[in-house]
Amino acid sequence: VQLQASGGGLVQAGGSLRLSCAAPGSIFSISAMGWYRQAPGKQRDLVARISRFGSSTYADSVKGRFTISRNNTENTVYLQMNGLTPDDTAVYYCAAAPYGATYPRYWGQGTLVTVSS
């Protein structure tokens, strides 16, 4: 199963980026979708997660700045990131957790977000 993440890049502090992740419909329709990130030398942490039914949760560090959404017709999950800071620099991964499992079963390849000060 391949999840295709895109949208990363280099942005100045205070700027915005939108990440996208497309998944096969058979997986997307049954899965909670999430975005995780891993900064150099750090563990991979959950950034945001959205259930099949549209309810979302966020890491405290991104609340009020990031918004996760999903398009169930296009089988795509998005992460709108506003007010970016250098601390948001990381590789961002999308993931799918079928039937609301706590931990994802499927992962995308990662997309690098670099925020310059």
C-alpha atoms as a PDB file:
ATOM      1  CA  VAL A   1       0.000   0.000   0.000  1.00  0.00           C
ATOM      2  CA  GLN A   2       1.428   3.372  -0.996  1.00  0.00           C
ATOM      3  CA  LEU A   3       0.545   6.693   0.501  1.00  0.00           C
ATOM      4  CA  GLN A   4       1.820   9.583  -1.592  1.00  0.00           C
ATOM      5  CA  ALA A   5       2.719  12.672   0.398  1.00  0.00           C
ATOM      6  CA  SER A   6       3.609  15.982  -1.205  1.00  0.00           C
ATOM      7  CA  GLY A   7       3.766  19.694  -0.539  1.00  0.00           C
ATOM      8  CA  GLY A   8       6.875  20.076   1.553  1.00  0.00           C
ATOM      9  CA  GLY A   9       9.478  22.696   0.893  1.00  0.00           C
ATOM     10  CA  LEU A  10      11.393  25.652   2.225  1.00  0.00           C
ATOM     11  CA  VAL A  11       9.478  28.525   3.775  1.00  0.00           C
ATOM     12  CA  GLN A  12      10.326  31.499   5.936  1.00  0.00           C
ATOM     13  CA  ALA A  13       9.160  31.721   9.506  1.00  0.00           C
ATOM     14  CA  GLY A  14       5.591  32.922   9.647  1.00  0.00           C
ATOM     15  CA  GLY A  15       4.785  31.404   6.294  1.00  0.00           C
ATOM     16  CA  SER A  16       2.386  28.658   5.289  1.00  0.00           C
ATOM     17  CA  LEU A  17       2.468  25.330   3.515  1.00  0.00           C
ATOM     18  CA  ARG A  18      -0.165  22.755   2.673  1.00  0.00           C
ATOM     19  CA  LEU A  19       0.726  19.094   2.658  1.00  0.00           C
ATOM     20  CA  SER A  20      -1.295  16.536   0.752  1.00  0.00           C
ATOM     21  CA  CYS A  21      -1.405  12.779   0.966  1.00  0.00           C
ATOM     22  CA  ALA A  22      -3.296  10.487  -1.373  1.00  0.00           C
ATOM     23  CA  ALA A  23      -4.153   6.942  -0.393  1.00  0.00           C
ATOM     24  CA  PRO A  24      -5.833   4.014  -2.122  1.00  0.00           C
ATOM     25  CA  GLY A  25      -9.568   4.277  -1.690  1.00  0.00           C
ATOM     26  CA  SER A  26      -9.846   0.849  -0.098  1.00  0.00           C
ATOM     27  CA  ILE A  27      -7.557   1.995   2.715  1.00  0.00           C
ATOM     28  CA  PHE A  28      -8.634   5.623   2.962  1.00  0.00           C
ATOM     29  CA  SER A  29     -12.300   4.843   3.439  1.00  0.00           C
ATOM     30  CA  ILE A  30     -11.716   2.677   6.495  1.00  0.00           C
ATOM     31  CA  SER A  31      -8.887   4.625   8.105  1.00  0.00           C
ATOM     32  CA  ALA A  32      -8.189   7.419  10.456  1.00  0.00           C
ATOM     33  CA  MET A  33      -5.536   9.498   8.744  1.00  0.00           C
ATOM     34  CA  GLY A  34      -2.678  11.208  10.480  1.00  0.00           C
ATOM     35  CA  TRP A  35       0.329  13.407   9.971  1.00  0.00           C
ATOM     36  CA  TYR A  36       3.484  12.724  11.930  1.00  0.00           C
ATOM     37  CA  ARG A  37       6.813  14.477  11.903  1.00  0.00           C
ATOM     38  CA  GLN A  38      10.367  13.631  12.758  1.00  0.00           C
ATOM     39  CA  ALA A  39      13.022  16.238  13.302  1.00  0.00           C
ATOM     40  CA  PRO A  40      16.718  15.307  13.105  1.00  0.00           C
ATOM     41  CA  GLY A  41      17.765  13.330  16.162  1.00  0.00           C
ATOM     42  CA  LYS A  42      14.245  13.155  17.534  1.00  0.00           C
ATOM     43  CA  GLN A  43      11.484  10.588  17.606  1.00  0.00           C
ATOM     44  CA  ARG A  44       8.541  10.597  15.244  1.00  0.00           C
ATOM     45  CA  ASP A  45       5.588  12.354  16.841  1.00  0.00           C
ATOM     46  CA  LEU A  46       1.943  12.736  15.975  1.00  0.00           C
ATOM     47  CA  VAL A  47       1.057  16.168  14.629  1.00  0.00           C
ATOM     48  CA  ALA A  48      -2.617  15.747  13.789  1.00  0.00           C
ATOM     49  CA  ARG A  49      -5.118  12.998  13.197  1.00  0.00           C
ATOM     50  CA  ILE A  50      -8.563  12.906  11.650  1.00  0.00           C
ATOM     51  CA  SER A  51     -11.043  10.080  11.997  1.00  0.00           C
ATOM     52  CA  ARG A  52     -13.100   8.544   9.220  1.00  0.00           C
ATOM     53  CA  PHE A  53     -15.947  10.701  10.461  1.00  0.00           C
ATOM     54  CA  GLY A  54     -14.032  13.961  10.477  1.00  0.00           C
ATOM     55  CA  SER A  55     -13.159  14.479  14.110  1.00  0.00           C
ATOM     56  CA  SER A  56      -9.635  15.749  14.582  1.00  0.00           C
ATOM     57  CA  THR A  57      -6.983  15.973  17.249  1.00  0.00           C
ATOM     58  CA  TYR A  58      -3.755  17.968  17.347  1.00  0.00           C
ATOM     59  CA  ALA A  59      -0.480  18.062  19.165  1.00  0.00           C
ATOM     60  CA  ASP A  60      -0.416  20.958  21.592  1.00  0.00           C
ATOM     61  CA  SER A  61       2.485  22.516  19.728  1.00  0.00           C
ATOM     62  CA  VAL A  62       0.445  23.017  16.554  1.00  0.00           C
ATOM     63  CA  LYS A  63      -3.008  23.800  17.887  1.00  0.00           C
ATOM     64  CA  GLY A  64      -4.380  26.970  16.377  1.00  0.00           C
ATOM     65  CA  ARG A  65      -1.795  26.947  13.575  1.00  0.00           C
ATOM     66  CA  PHE A  66      -2.313  23.655  11.731  1.00  0.00           C
ATOM     67  CA  THR A  67      -5.527  22.239  10.315  1.00  0.00           C
ATOM     68  CA  ILE A  68      -6.036  18.681   9.163  1.00  0.00           C
ATOM     69  CA  SER A  69      -8.809  17.847   6.721  1.00  0.00           C
ATOM     70  CA  ARG A  70      -9.816  15.020   4.446  1.00  0.00           C
ATOM     71  CA  ASN A  71     -11.559  14.732   1.125  1.00  0.00           C
ATOM     72  CA  ASN A  72     -13.343  11.406   1.053  1.00  0.00           C
ATOM     73  CA  THR A  73     -14.093  11.724  -2.648  1.00  0.00           C
ATOM     74  CA  GLU A  74     -10.483  12.259  -3.637  1.00  0.00           C
ATOM     75  CA  ASN A  75      -9.071   9.936  -0.943  1.00  0.00           C
ATOM     76  CA  THR A  76      -6.732  12.672   0.164  1.00  0.00           C
ATOM     77  CA  VAL A  77      -5.799  14.110   3.527  1.00  0.00           C
ATOM     78  CA  TYR A  78      -4.402  17.609   3.915  1.00  0.00           C
ATOM     79  CA  LEU A  79      -2.405  19.462   6.516  1.00  0.00           C
ATOM     80  CA  GLN A  80      -2.640  23.229   6.293  1.00  0.00           C
ATOM     81  CA  MET A  81       0.250  24.730   8.225  1.00  0.00           C
ATOM     82  CA  ASN A  82       0.202  28.406   9.097  1.00  0.00           C
ATOM     83  CA  GLY A  83       2.459  30.474  11.294  1.00  0.00           C
ATOM     84  CA  LEU A  84       5.387  28.146  10.722  1.00  0.00           C
ATOM     85  CA  THR A  85       8.416  28.417  12.964  1.00  0.00           C
ATOM     86  CA  PRO A  86      11.880  26.839  12.725  1.00  0.00           C
ATOM     87  CA  ASP A  87      10.719  24.317  15.345  1.00  0.00           C
ATOM     88  CA  ASP A  88       8.334  22.919  12.738  1.00  0.00           C
ATOM     89  CA  THR A  89      11.259  21.840  10.558  1.00  0.00           C
ATOM     90  CA  ALA A  90      11.008  18.079  10.091  1.00  0.00           C
ATOM     91  CA  VAL A  91      10.166  15.301   7.713  1.00  0.00           C
ATOM     92  CA  TYR A  92       6.399  14.974   7.686  1.00  0.00           C
ATOM     93  CA  TYR A  93       4.792  11.592   7.172  1.00  0.00           C
ATOM     94  CA  CYS A  94       1.193  10.752   6.470  1.00  0.00           C
ATOM     95  CA  ALA A  95      -0.196   7.535   7.851  1.00  0.00           C
ATOM     96  CA  ALA A  96      -3.335   5.455   7.805  1.00  0.00           C
ATOM     97  CA  ALA A  97      -4.796   3.618  10.777  1.00  0.00           C
ATOM     98  CA  PRO A  98      -7.528   1.239   9.604  1.00  0.00           C
ATOM     99  CA  TYR A  99     -10.633   1.059  11.731  1.00  0.00           C
ATOM    100  CA  GLY A 100      -9.350   3.678  14.116  1.00  0.00           C
ATOM    101  CA  ALA A 101      -6.401   1.676  15.351  1.00  0.00           C
ATOM    102  CA  THR A 102      -4.197   3.559  17.745  1.00  0.00           C
ATOM    103  CA  TYR A 103      -1.083   3.117  15.663  1.00  0.00           C
ATOM    104  CA  PRO A 104      -0.923   3.450  11.874  1.00  0.00           C
ATOM    105  CA  ARG A 105      -0.434   0.436   9.694  1.00  0.00           C
ATOM    106  CA  TYR A 106       0.483   2.275   6.507  1.00  0.00           C
ATOM    107  CA  TRP A 107       2.967   5.092   5.997  1.00  0.00           C
ATOM    108  CA  GLY A 108       3.845   7.527   3.261  1.00  0.00           C
ATOM    109  CA  GLN A 109       7.379   8.251   2.173  1.00  0.00           C
ATOM    110  CA  GLY A 110       7.737  11.563   3.988  1.00  0.00           C
ATOM    111  CA  THR A 111       8.064  15.104   2.754  1.00  0.00           C
ATOM    112  CA  LEU A 112      10.594  17.571   4.115  1.00  0.00           C
ATOM    113  CA  VAL A 113       9.476  20.878   5.568  1.00  0.00           C
ATOM    114  CA  THR A 114      12.201  23.398   6.310  1.00  0.00           C
ATOM    115  CA  VAL A 115      11.397  26.673   8.025  1.00  0.00           C
ATOM    116  CA  SER A 116      14.076  29.324   7.962  1.00  0.00           C
ATOM    117  CA  SER A 117      14.336  32.036  10.588  1.00  0.00           C
END
